[in-house]
């Protein structure tokens, strides 16, 4: 496993999310009151970019069909059909920098 720098903590304000590409994967980073979480950015329903959806608390809602995922775990929170959970990544903060363990 490696550690990849993906930005600074100041790049993503509290309550916001941003898509980054790390290790060839699109990953969504969410800032919840100074705690950072990382999950796959691609919705497992139809392939939409979750970074184009909305963040409410820890729940990310896909902008295409409304699938809801918990950004802390990547687990599906709500959707009419059973779809796969998202992969979550360990986030490490050091000296104001955001690193992903991939």
N, C-alpha and C. Protein backbone atom coordinates (compact mmCIF):
# COMPACT_ATOMS: atom_id res chain seq x y z
N UNK A 1 0.84 -1.19 0.00
CA UNK A 1 0.00 0.00 0.00
C UNK A 1 0.88 1.24 0.00
N UNK A 2 0.41 2.25 -0.72
CA UNK A 2 1.16 3.48 -0.79
C UNK A 2 0.33 4.65 -0.32
N UNK A 3 1.02 5.74 -0.09
CA UNK A 3 0.37 6.97 0.36
C UNK A 3 0.54 8.00 -0.74
N UNK A 4 -0.58 8.59 -1.18
CA UNK A 4 -0.56 9.55 -2.28
C UNK A 4 -1.13 10.88 -1.79
N UNK A 5 -0.39 11.97 -2.02
CA UNK A 5 -0.90 13.29 -1.66
C UNK A 5 -1.92 13.72 -2.71
N UNK A 6 -3.05 14.22 -2.23
CA UNK A 6 -4.09 14.63 -3.18
C UNK A 6 -4.49 16.09 -3.04
N UNK A 7 -3.93 16.79 -2.07
CA UNK A 7 -4.25 18.20 -1.93
C UNK A 7 -4.03 18.69 -0.51
N UNK A 8 -4.51 19.89 -0.28
CA UNK A 8 -4.42 20.52 1.04
C UNK A 8 -5.81 20.54 1.69
N UNK A 9 -5.83 20.53 3.00
CA UNK A 9 -7.11 20.57 3.71
C UNK A 9 -7.88 21.85 3.38
N UNK A 10 -7.17 22.92 3.05
CA UNK A 10 -7.83 24.19 2.73
C UNK A 10 -8.49 24.17 1.35
N UNK A 11 -8.17 23.14 0.53
CA UNK A 11 -8.75 23.04 -0.81
C UNK A 11 -10.23 22.63 -0.79
N UNK A 12 -10.65 21.96 0.29
CA UNK A 12 -12.03 21.44 0.37
C UNK A 12 -12.67 21.98 1.65
N UNK A 13 -13.51 23.00 1.54
CA UNK A 13 -14.15 23.58 2.73
C UNK A 13 -15.08 22.57 3.42
N UNK A 14 -15.36 22.81 4.67
CA UNK A 14 -16.28 21.96 5.43
C UNK A 14 -17.64 21.91 4.76
N UNK A 15 -18.20 20.69 4.68
CA UNK A 15 -19.50 20.50 4.05
C UNK A 15 -19.45 20.37 2.54
N UNK A 16 -18.25 20.32 1.98
CA UNK A 16 -18.07 20.23 0.52
C UNK A 16 -17.37 18.93 0.16
N UNK A 17 -17.41 18.62 -1.13
CA UNK A 17 -16.73 17.43 -1.64
C UNK A 17 -16.08 17.76 -2.97
N UNK A 18 -15.10 16.94 -3.33
CA UNK A 18 -14.34 17.19 -4.56
C UNK A 18 -13.86 15.86 -5.12
N UNK A 19 -13.86 15.76 -6.45
CA UNK A 19 -13.34 14.57 -7.12
C UNK A 19 -11.86 14.77 -7.38
N UNK A 20 -11.07 13.72 -7.11
CA UNK A 20 -9.66 13.71 -7.43
C UNK A 20 -9.36 12.40 -8.16
N UNK A 21 -8.26 12.38 -8.86
CA UNK A 21 -7.81 11.14 -9.49
C UNK A 21 -6.51 10.73 -8.81
N UNK A 22 -6.52 9.52 -8.26
CA UNK A 22 -5.34 9.00 -7.57
C UNK A 22 -5.17 7.54 -7.94
N UNK A 23 -3.95 7.18 -8.28
CA UNK A 23 -3.64 5.80 -8.64
C UNK A 23 -4.54 5.30 -9.76
N UNK A 24 -4.92 6.21 -10.70
CA UNK A 24 -5.74 5.86 -11.84
C UNK A 24 -7.23 5.71 -11.54
N UNK A 25 -7.65 6.09 -10.34
CA UNK A 25 -9.06 5.95 -9.93
C UNK A 25 -9.66 7.31 -9.63
N UNK A 26 -10.96 7.49 -9.98
CA UNK A 26 -11.69 8.69 -9.57
C UNK A 26 -12.21 8.48 -8.16
N UNK A 27 -11.81 9.38 -7.27
CA UNK A 27 -12.15 9.25 -5.85
C UNK A 27 -12.77 10.55 -5.37
N UNK A 28 -13.82 10.42 -4.57
CA UNK A 28 -14.50 11.58 -4.01
C UNK A 28 -13.97 11.81 -2.59
N UNK A 29 -13.57 13.04 -2.31
CA UNK A 29 -13.13 13.42 -0.97
C UNK A 29 -14.19 14.34 -0.38
N UNK A 30 -14.66 14.03 0.82
CA UNK A 30 -15.66 14.86 1.49
C UNK A 30 -15.09 15.38 2.81
N UNK A 31 -15.39 16.65 3.10
CA UNK A 31 -14.97 17.27 4.35
C UNK A 31 -16.21 17.47 5.22
N UNK A 32 -16.25 16.76 6.32
CA UNK A 32 -17.35 16.91 7.29
C UNK A 32 -16.78 17.51 8.56
N UNK A 33 -16.94 18.81 8.72
CA UNK A 33 -16.47 19.52 9.92
C UNK A 33 -15.00 19.24 10.23
N UNK A 34 -14.18 19.22 9.20
CA UNK A 34 -12.74 19.03 9.40
C UNK A 34 -12.28 17.59 9.38
N UNK A 35 -13.21 16.64 9.28
CA UNK A 35 -12.86 15.23 9.11
C UNK A 35 -13.03 14.89 7.64
N UNK A 36 -12.03 14.25 7.07
CA UNK A 36 -12.04 13.97 5.64
C UNK A 36 -12.27 12.48 5.39
N UNK A 37 -13.09 12.20 4.38
CA UNK A 37 -13.44 10.83 4.01
C UNK A 37 -13.27 10.67 2.51
N UNK A 38 -12.95 9.45 2.08
CA UNK A 38 -12.73 9.18 0.67
C UNK A 38 -13.43 7.88 0.26
N UNK A 39 -14.18 7.96 -0.85
CA UNK A 39 -14.86 6.80 -1.41
C UNK A 39 -14.73 6.87 -2.93
N UNK A 40 -15.04 5.76 -3.61
CA UNK A 40 -15.09 5.80 -5.07
C UNK A 40 -16.06 6.88 -5.51
N UNK A 41 -15.73 7.57 -6.60
CA UNK A 41 -16.58 8.66 -7.10
C UNK A 41 -17.67 8.16 -8.04
N UNK A 42 -17.59 6.94 -8.50
CA UNK A 42 -18.53 6.44 -9.51
C UNK A 42 -19.68 5.67 -8.86
N UNK A 43 -20.90 6.13 -9.08
CA UNK A 43 -22.10 5.47 -8.55
C UNK A 43 -22.20 4.06 -9.13
N UNK A 44 -22.51 3.10 -8.28
CA UNK A 44 -22.60 1.71 -8.73
C UNK A 44 -23.92 1.40 -9.43
N UNK A 45 -24.81 2.38 -9.53
CA UNK A 45 -26.08 2.16 -10.24
C UNK A 45 -25.91 2.37 -11.74
N UNK A 46 -25.55 3.60 -12.14
CA UNK A 46 -25.43 3.90 -13.57
C UNK A 46 -24.13 4.59 -13.96
N UNK A 47 -23.18 4.67 -13.05
CA UNK A 47 -21.87 5.21 -13.40
C UNK A 47 -21.72 6.71 -13.31
N UNK A 48 -22.66 7.40 -12.67
CA UNK A 48 -22.56 8.86 -12.54
C UNK A 48 -21.42 9.24 -11.60
N UNK A 49 -20.89 10.44 -11.79
CA UNK A 49 -19.89 10.98 -10.87
C UNK A 49 -20.63 11.50 -9.64
N UNK A 50 -20.34 10.92 -8.48
CA UNK A 50 -21.01 11.34 -7.25
C UNK A 50 -20.63 12.76 -6.83
N UNK A 51 -19.48 13.24 -7.29
CA UNK A 51 -19.08 14.60 -6.95
C UNK A 51 -20.01 15.64 -7.56
N UNK A 52 -20.84 15.22 -8.53
CA UNK A 52 -21.83 16.13 -9.13
C UNK A 52 -23.16 16.07 -8.38
N UNK A 53 -23.23 15.24 -7.34
CA UNK A 53 -24.44 15.12 -6.53
C UNK A 53 -24.40 16.10 -5.36
N UNK A 54 -25.04 15.70 -4.25
CA UNK A 54 -25.11 16.58 -3.08
C UNK A 54 -24.61 15.85 -1.84
N UNK A 55 -24.13 16.64 -0.89
CA UNK A 55 -23.66 16.13 0.39
C UNK A 55 -24.52 16.73 1.49
N UNK A 56 -25.15 15.86 2.29
CA UNK A 56 -25.97 16.30 3.41
C UNK A 56 -25.57 15.47 4.62
N UNK A 57 -24.82 16.10 5.54
CA UNK A 57 -24.24 15.34 6.64
C UNK A 57 -23.22 14.39 6.06
N UNK A 58 -23.36 13.10 6.34
CA UNK A 58 -22.42 12.12 5.78
C UNK A 58 -22.99 11.43 4.54
N UNK A 59 -24.18 11.83 4.11
CA UNK A 59 -24.85 11.16 2.99
C UNK A 59 -24.63 11.92 1.68
N UNK A 60 -24.09 11.17 0.70
CA UNK A 60 -23.91 11.70 -0.65
C UNK A 60 -25.03 11.14 -1.51
N UNK A 61 -25.75 12.04 -2.19
CA UNK A 61 -26.84 11.63 -3.07
C UNK A 61 -26.41 11.81 -4.52
N UNK A 62 -26.52 10.74 -5.29
CA UNK A 62 -26.18 10.77 -6.70
C UNK A 62 -27.14 11.69 -7.44
N UNK A 63 -26.60 12.54 -8.29
CA UNK A 63 -27.40 13.50 -9.03
C UNK A 63 -28.23 12.88 -10.15
N UNK A 64 -27.93 11.66 -10.56
CA UNK A 64 -28.67 11.04 -11.66
C UNK A 64 -29.97 10.38 -11.20
N UNK A 65 -29.89 9.45 -10.26
CA UNK A 65 -31.07 8.67 -9.88
C UNK A 65 -31.32 8.61 -8.38
N UNK A 66 -30.57 9.39 -7.61
CA UNK A 66 -30.85 9.53 -6.18
C UNK A 66 -30.32 8.46 -5.25
N UNK A 67 -29.42 7.60 -5.71
CA UNK A 67 -28.81 6.63 -4.80
C UNK A 67 -28.06 7.40 -3.71
N UNK A 68 -28.16 6.90 -2.47
CA UNK A 68 -27.52 7.57 -1.34
C UNK A 68 -26.47 6.66 -0.73
N UNK A 69 -25.28 7.22 -0.51
CA UNK A 69 -24.17 6.48 0.07
C UNK A 69 -23.63 7.24 1.28
N UNK A 70 -23.14 6.50 2.27
CA UNK A 70 -22.50 7.12 3.43
C UNK A 70 -21.04 7.35 3.07
N UNK A 71 -20.60 8.60 3.10
CA UNK A 71 -19.23 8.91 2.69
C UNK A 71 -18.20 8.42 3.70
N UNK A 72 -18.62 8.09 4.93
CA UNK A 72 -17.68 7.57 5.93
C UNK A 72 -17.29 6.12 5.64
N UNK A 73 -18.21 5.37 5.04
CA UNK A 73 -17.99 3.93 4.87
C UNK A 73 -18.11 3.45 3.42
N UNK A 74 -18.78 4.22 2.58
CA UNK A 74 -19.06 3.80 1.22
C UNK A 74 -20.29 2.91 1.11
N UNK A 75 -20.94 2.62 2.22
CA UNK A 75 -22.11 1.74 2.24
C UNK A 75 -23.32 2.45 1.64
N UNK A 76 -24.13 1.66 0.91
CA UNK A 76 -25.38 2.16 0.37
C UNK A 76 -26.30 2.52 1.53
N UNK A 77 -26.85 3.73 1.52
CA UNK A 77 -27.74 4.18 2.59
C UNK A 77 -29.20 4.05 2.17
N UNK A 78 -29.50 4.31 0.90
CA UNK A 78 -30.89 4.22 0.43
C UNK A 78 -30.93 4.19 -1.09
N UNK A 79 -31.74 3.28 -1.62
CA UNK A 79 -32.03 3.20 -3.05
C UNK A 79 -33.07 2.10 -3.21
N UNK A 80 -34.00 2.25 -4.15
CA UNK A 80 -35.06 1.25 -4.30
C UNK A 80 -34.55 -0.15 -4.66
N UNK A 81 -33.42 -0.23 -5.37
CA UNK A 81 -32.87 -1.53 -5.77
C UNK A 81 -31.57 -1.78 -4.99
N UNK A 82 -31.20 -3.04 -4.88
CA UNK A 82 -29.94 -3.39 -4.22
C UNK A 82 -28.80 -3.16 -5.22
N UNK A 83 -27.88 -2.26 -4.87
CA UNK A 83 -26.69 -2.03 -5.69
C UNK A 83 -25.47 -2.15 -4.79
N UNK A 84 -24.31 -2.25 -5.39
CA UNK A 84 -23.09 -2.46 -4.63
C UNK A 84 -22.68 -1.24 -3.84
N UNK A 85 -22.04 -1.50 -2.70
CA UNK A 85 -21.43 -0.44 -1.91
C UNK A 85 -20.22 0.10 -2.67
N UNK A 86 -19.72 1.22 -2.21
CA UNK A 86 -18.52 1.83 -2.78
C UNK A 86 -17.31 1.48 -1.94
N UNK A 87 -16.16 1.46 -2.56
CA UNK A 87 -14.91 1.25 -1.81
C UNK A 87 -14.57 2.53 -1.06
N UNK A 88 -14.15 2.40 0.18
CA UNK A 88 -13.70 3.57 0.93
C UNK A 88 -12.18 3.47 1.10
N UNK A 89 -11.56 4.62 1.28
CA UNK A 89 -10.11 4.72 1.38
C UNK A 89 -9.73 5.38 2.68
N UNK A 90 -8.60 5.00 3.22
CA UNK A 90 -8.08 5.63 4.43
C UNK A 90 -7.50 6.99 4.07
N UNK A 91 -7.91 8.02 4.82
CA UNK A 91 -7.42 9.38 4.62
C UNK A 91 -6.47 9.72 5.77
N UNK A 92 -5.33 10.27 5.44
CA UNK A 92 -4.34 10.67 6.43
C UNK A 92 -4.09 12.17 6.24
N UNK A 93 -4.15 12.91 7.34
CA UNK A 93 -3.86 14.35 7.31
C UNK A 93 -2.51 14.57 8.01
N UNK A 94 -1.60 15.20 7.29
CA UNK A 94 -0.28 15.54 7.85
C UNK A 94 0.11 16.94 7.42
N UNK A 95 0.36 17.80 8.38
CA UNK A 95 0.82 19.16 8.11
C UNK A 95 -0.07 19.89 7.11
N UNK A 96 -1.40 19.70 7.23
CA UNK A 96 -2.33 20.38 6.35
C UNK A 96 -2.49 19.76 4.98
N UNK A 97 -1.83 18.64 4.75
CA UNK A 97 -1.94 17.93 3.47
C UNK A 97 -2.85 16.72 3.62
N UNK A 98 -3.59 16.41 2.55
CA UNK A 98 -4.47 15.25 2.52
C UNK A 98 -3.78 14.16 1.73
N UNK A 99 -3.65 12.99 2.35
CA UNK A 99 -3.07 11.82 1.70
C UNK A 99 -4.11 10.71 1.67
N UNK A 100 -4.07 9.89 0.63
CA UNK A 100 -4.89 8.68 0.56
C UNK A 100 -3.95 7.49 0.64
N UNK A 101 -4.42 6.47 1.35
CA UNK A 101 -3.70 5.21 1.35
C UNK A 101 -4.37 4.32 0.32
N UNK A 102 -3.65 3.99 -0.74
CA UNK A 102 -4.22 3.17 -1.82
C UNK A 102 -3.37 1.93 -2.07
